[in-house]
Amino acid sequence: MLTIKFWGTRGTYPTSQQLVCIQVSSPATRLLVEAGSTAIFTEPQNYCALNGILLTHLHSDHCLLAPHLVLARMKTLKQDFRKEDCPIYAPEDIANLFSGVGLTKDFYVWEERPPERIGDIEISRHLTLHWGESCAYKLSHAGKSVVITGDIFYTDMLAEFCRGVDLLIVECTDADSNEKHAEFWKHMTPKSVAHLIRQSQPRQTALYHFTDLNPLEAQAAVLGHLDPSYQVIGSNDGMEIQI
């Protein structure tokens, strides 16, 4: 079983919603995908128990708090802090991001690609079409799988990467009326999300990274392009899904 916790679901800039941050946990392993939400800092066990942080790309709404997670672990764990216990994976070097709070590589581990397995969670990644280096991650455990897309623009290769997963967590940044903006910035609209769902056939889809639309509006807009057999929800901060 995998448990998915949405610490933050907003993209681009925060409102009452936290910026994107998703925790994926198995019985033995806890991974964080994106680091945009302050909510994870409310209890020390939320960040001290992490076994790895995966960043889809280095736009600030996705990664800004990653250095502060390291600082919080250092402060809380004290002599028990080991940088190797929670490596950070991102498609670009994070040195500039971490130097902003005075952290050198003495205090963190960065790798471009995650290993095939962390604990009991299997990991694969797919390079995606967005501004700069960007990737989606697939996390699997005991026959269950979830894809977290990061910021994306539709491609057939992406659809193949997502094919048949139990849960597809996909960005839905722009409204259909803002299609030209989405094409320029390489983001998804409800129409393009629906196309990805039809091509990849996930068992369930959760939308996130909202900017133009709120979760219910995005859900209704995506479902408006699909037949009623598809399961699509708009994620909210604090929501949990088990697969």
Protein backbone atom coordinates (compact mmCIF):
# COMPACT_ATOMS: atom_id res chain seq x y z
CA MET A 1 0.00 0.00 0.00
CA LEU A 2 1.09 3.56 -0.75
CA THR A 3 -0.23 6.59 1.13
CA ILE A 4 -0.12 9.93 -0.68
CA LYS A 5 -0.32 13.09 1.42
CA PHE A 6 -0.83 16.46 -0.27
CA TRP A 7 0.98 19.03 1.86
CA GLY A 8 0.47 21.66 -0.86
CA THR A 9 -1.40 21.76 -4.16
CA ARG A 10 -1.00 25.29 -5.52
CA GLY A 11 1.29 26.26 -8.39
CA THR A 12 3.06 29.47 -9.43
CA TYR A 13 2.32 31.53 -6.30
CA PRO A 14 0.56 30.79 -2.99
CA THR A 15 -2.89 31.96 -1.99
CA SER A 16 -4.78 30.25 0.83
CA GLN A 17 -3.34 27.08 -0.71
CA GLN A 18 0.19 25.93 0.00
CA LEU A 19 2.60 25.51 -2.89
CA VAL A 20 3.15 22.02 -4.28
CA CYS A 21 4.50 19.34 -1.94
CA ILE A 22 3.48 15.67 -1.96
CA GLN A 23 4.54 12.89 0.40
CA VAL A 24 4.49 9.27 -0.76
CA SER A 25 4.81 6.65 1.98
CA SER A 26 4.98 2.87 2.13
CA PRO A 27 5.02 0.97 5.44
CA ALA A 28 8.82 1.37 5.61
CA THR A 29 9.74 4.40 3.48
CA ARG A 30 8.74 8.06 3.29
CA LEU A 31 9.60 10.19 0.25
CA LEU A 32 8.81 13.82 -0.49
CA VAL A 33 8.17 14.99 -4.05
CA GLU A 34 8.53 18.77 -4.34
CA ALA A 35 9.21 21.12 -1.44
CA GLY A 36 6.92 24.13 -1.64
CA SER A 37 4.77 23.84 1.49
CA THR A 38 5.44 25.19 4.97
CA ALA A 39 2.82 22.79 6.40
CA ILE A 40 5.33 19.95 6.60
CA PHE A 41 7.26 21.87 9.26
CA THR A 42 4.40 21.78 11.79
CA GLU A 43 5.60 18.52 13.39
CA PRO A 44 9.25 17.36 13.54
CA GLN A 45 8.37 13.78 12.58
CA ASN A 46 7.08 15.03 9.23
CA TYR A 47 10.57 15.95 8.03
CA CYS A 48 12.79 13.89 10.32
CA ALA A 49 11.32 10.62 9.00
CA LEU A 50 12.01 11.43 5.34
CA ASN A 51 14.18 8.99 3.38
CA GLY A 52 14.61 11.21 0.33
CA ILE A 53 13.44 14.36 -1.45
CA LEU A 54 12.67 14.26 -5.17
CA LEU A 55 12.38 17.55 -7.06
CA THR A 56 10.85 17.51 -10.54
CA HIS A 57 12.64 20.76 -11.44
CA LEU A 58 14.12 23.85 -9.85
CA HIS A 59 11.38 26.43 -10.32
CA SER A 60 10.95 28.01 -6.91
CA ASP A 61 7.33 26.96 -6.30
CA HIS A 62 8.57 23.36 -6.39
CA CYS A 63 11.89 23.55 -4.55
CA LEU A 64 12.20 26.71 -2.47
CA LEU A 65 11.90 25.03 0.94
CA ALA A 66 14.23 22.10 0.24
CA PRO A 67 17.21 23.83 1.94
CA HIS A 68 15.02 24.62 4.93
CA LEU A 69 14.08 20.96 5.26
CA VAL A 70 17.79 20.20 5.61
CA LEU A 71 18.18 22.99 8.16
CA ALA A 72 15.18 21.71 10.13
CA ARG A 73 16.58 18.18 10.15
CA MET A 74 19.98 19.46 11.32
CA LYS A 75 18.41 21.53 14.11
CA THR A 76 16.04 18.80 15.29
CA LEU A 77 18.23 15.70 14.92
CA LYS A 78 21.41 17.40 16.20
CA GLN A 79 24.18 14.79 16.61
CA ASP A 80 22.00 12.16 14.93
CA PHE A 81 21.81 14.18 11.68
CA ARG A 82 23.39 12.41 8.71
CA LYS A 83 23.13 13.98 5.27
CA GLU A 84 23.11 10.51 3.69
CA ASP A 85 19.81 9.63 5.42
CA CYS A 86 17.78 11.99 3.20
CA PRO A 87 19.42 12.55 -0.22
CA ILE A 88 17.98 15.10 -2.63
CA TYR A 89 17.36 14.19 -6.26
CA ALA A 90 16.83 16.79 -8.97
CA PRO A 91 17.57 16.99 -12.70
CA GLU A 92 19.85 20.02 -12.15
CA ASP A 93 22.53 20.79 -9.55
CA ILE A 94 20.98 22.36 -6.45
CA ALA A 95 24.17 24.11 -5.27
CA ASN A 96 22.91 27.63 -6.03
CA LEU A 97 19.60 26.96 -4.30
CA PHE A 98 21.32 25.70 -1.15
CA SER A 99 24.06 28.31 -1.04
CA GLY A 100 21.35 30.91 -0.48
CA VAL A 101 21.01 29.69 3.11
CA GLY A 102 24.73 28.95 3.55
CA LEU A 103 24.58 25.20 2.97
CA THR A 104 27.53 23.65 1.16
CA LYS A 105 27.76 20.05 -0.01
CA ASP A 106 29.09 19.15 3.42
CA PHE A 107 25.47 19.27 4.59
CA TYR A 108 23.47 17.58 1.85
CA VAL A 109 23.66 14.86 -0.79
CA TRP A 110 22.51 15.69 -4.33
CA GLU A 111 22.15 13.23 -7.19
CA GLU A 112 20.72 13.92 -10.63
CA ARG A 113 18.93 10.58 -10.82
CA PRO A 114 17.38 8.64 -7.95
CA PRO A 115 18.33 5.00 -7.51
CA GLU A 116 15.96 2.32 -8.75
CA ARG A 117 14.82 1.75 -5.17
CA ILE A 118 14.77 3.70 -1.92
CA GLY A 119 13.77 1.43 0.95
CA ASP A 120 10.83 -0.59 -0.34
CA ILE A 121 9.71 1.95 -2.97
CA GLU A 122 10.79 1.47 -6.58
CA ILE A 123 11.50 4.67 -8.54
CA SER A 124 11.71 5.58 -12.19
CA ARG A 125 11.80 8.96 -13.86
CA HIS A 126 10.91 10.43 -17.23
CA LEU A 127 12.34 13.66 -18.64
CA THR A 128 9.45 15.98 -19.47
CA LEU A 129 8.75 18.95 -21.71
CA HIS A 130 8.86 22.13 -19.65
CA TRP A 131 11.09 25.17 -19.32
CA GLY A 132 14.51 23.98 -18.15
CA GLU A 133 15.42 20.47 -17.03
CA SER A 134 12.34 18.74 -15.69
CA CYS A 135 11.13 15.22 -14.95
CA ALA A 136 8.19 13.15 -13.75
CA TYR A 137 8.57 10.38 -11.18
CA LYS A 138 6.88 6.99 -10.90
CA LEU A 139 6.88 5.44 -7.42
CA SER A 140 5.82 1.82 -6.95
CA HIS A 141 5.34 -0.56 -4.03
CA ALA A 142 3.74 -4.01 -3.79
CA GLY A 143 2.19 -3.77 -7.23
CA LYS A 144 0.76 -0.25 -6.74
CA SER A 145 2.11 2.78 -8.60
CA VAL A 146 1.75 6.55 -8.67
CA VAL A 147 3.11 9.08 -11.17
CA ILE A 148 3.71 12.68 -10.11
CA THR A 149 4.20 14.76 -13.23
CA GLY A 150 5.67 18.04 -12.07
CA ASP A 151 5.13 20.80 -14.62
CA ILE A 152 4.57 19.33 -18.06
CA PHE A 153 3.34 19.69 -21.61
CA TYR A 154 1.69 16.70 -23.24
CA THR A 155 3.80 14.22 -25.23
CA ASP A 156 3.06 10.66 -26.33
CA MET A 157 6.14 9.48 -24.42
CA LEU A 158 4.73 10.99 -21.23
CA ALA A 159 1.45 9.15 -21.82
CA GLU A 160 3.35 5.90 -22.18
CA PHE A 161 5.25 6.54 -18.94
CA CYS A 162 1.93 7.07 -17.12
CA ARG A 163 0.11 4.15 -18.74
CA GLY A 164 -2.01 2.07 -16.38
CA VAL A 165 -0.80 3.56 -13.09
CA ASP A 166 -3.06 3.32 -10.06
CA LEU A 167 -2.86 7.06 -9.46
CA LEU A 168 -1.82 9.83 -11.84
CA ILE A 169 -1.08 13.13 -10.09
CA VAL A 170 -1.01 15.66 -12.90
CA GLU A 171 -0.66 19.41 -13.03
CA CYS A 172 -3.63 21.49 -14.21
CA THR A 173 -2.23 24.99 -14.26
CA ASP A 174 -4.17 26.92 -16.91
CA ALA A 175 -7.83 27.13 -17.87
CA ASP A 176 -8.85 26.02 -21.37
CA SER A 177 -9.41 29.68 -22.21
CA ASN A 178 -5.70 30.27 -21.52
CA GLU A 179 -4.46 27.62 -23.96
CA LYS A 180 -1.93 29.87 -25.70
CA HIS A 181 -0.35 30.77 -22.36
CA ALA A 182 -0.15 27.08 -21.47
CA GLU A 183 1.48 26.25 -24.79
CA PHE A 184 4.10 28.98 -24.38
CA TRP A 185 4.99 28.10 -20.77
CA LYS A 186 4.57 24.33 -21.32
CA HIS A 187 1.73 23.71 -18.89
CA MET A 188 -1.48 21.70 -18.97
CA THR A 189 -5.11 22.75 -19.36
CA PRO A 190 -8.19 20.63 -18.53
CA LYS A 191 -8.41 19.70 -22.22
CA SER A 192 -4.81 18.47 -22.40
CA VAL A 193 -5.13 16.70 -19.03
CA ALA A 194 -8.17 14.84 -20.37
CA HIS A 195 -6.18 13.84 -23.45
CA LEU A 196 -3.37 12.49 -21.26
CA ILE A 197 -5.90 10.50 -19.21
CA ARG A 198 -7.48 8.97 -22.31
CA GLN A 199 -4.07 8.01 -23.69
CA SER A 200 -2.59 6.64 -20.45
CA GLN A 201 -5.68 5.11 -18.79
CA PRO A 202 -4.78 5.52 -15.10
CA ARG A 203 -7.14 3.96 -12.56
CA GLN A 204 -7.55 7.32 -10.83
CA THR A 205 -6.34 10.87 -11.44
CA ALA A 206 -5.67 13.66 -8.94
CA LEU A 207 -5.15 17.19 -10.23
CA TYR A 208 -2.72 19.63 -8.62
CA HIS A 209 -0.59 22.74 -9.33
CA PHE A 210 -3.64 24.98 -9.68
CA THR A 211 -3.29 28.58 -10.83
CA ASP A 212 -6.24 29.66 -12.99
CA LEU A 213 -8.79 27.30 -11.44
CA ASN A 214 -9.57 26.06 -7.96
CA PRO A 215 -9.65 22.27 -7.37
CA LEU A 216 -13.39 21.85 -7.94
CA GLU A 217 -13.34 24.02 -11.07
CA ALA A 218 -10.40 22.06 -12.47
CA GLN A 219 -12.09 18.74 -11.69
CA ALA A 220 -15.31 19.79 -13.41
CA ALA A 221 -13.43 21.15 -16.43
CA VAL A 222 -11.40 17.96 -16.93
CA LEU A 223 -14.44 15.70 -16.48
CA GLY A 224 -16.25 17.84 -19.05
CA HIS A 225 -13.86 16.42 -21.67
CA LEU A 226 -14.26 12.78 -20.54
CA ASP A 227 -16.95 10.17 -20.31
CA PRO A 228 -18.32 9.37 -16.81
CA SER A 229 -16.23 6.21 -16.36
CA TYR A 230 -13.10 8.17 -15.45
CA GLN A 231 -12.24 8.96 -11.82
CA VAL A 232 -10.80 12.47 -11.47
CA ILE A 233 -10.50 14.55 -8.31
CA GLY A 234 -9.13 17.98 -7.56
CA SER A 235 -6.63 17.63 -4.72
CA ASN A 236 -6.75 19.85 -1.64
CA ASP A 237 -4.08 20.74 0.91
CA GLY A 238 -4.01 18.09 3.63
CA MET A 239 -5.80 15.42 1.58
CA GLU A 240 -4.63 11.80 1.73
CA ILE A 241 -5.15 9.01 -0.80
CA GLN A 242 -4.31 5.35 -0.26
CA ILE A 243 -3.70 2.98 -3.13
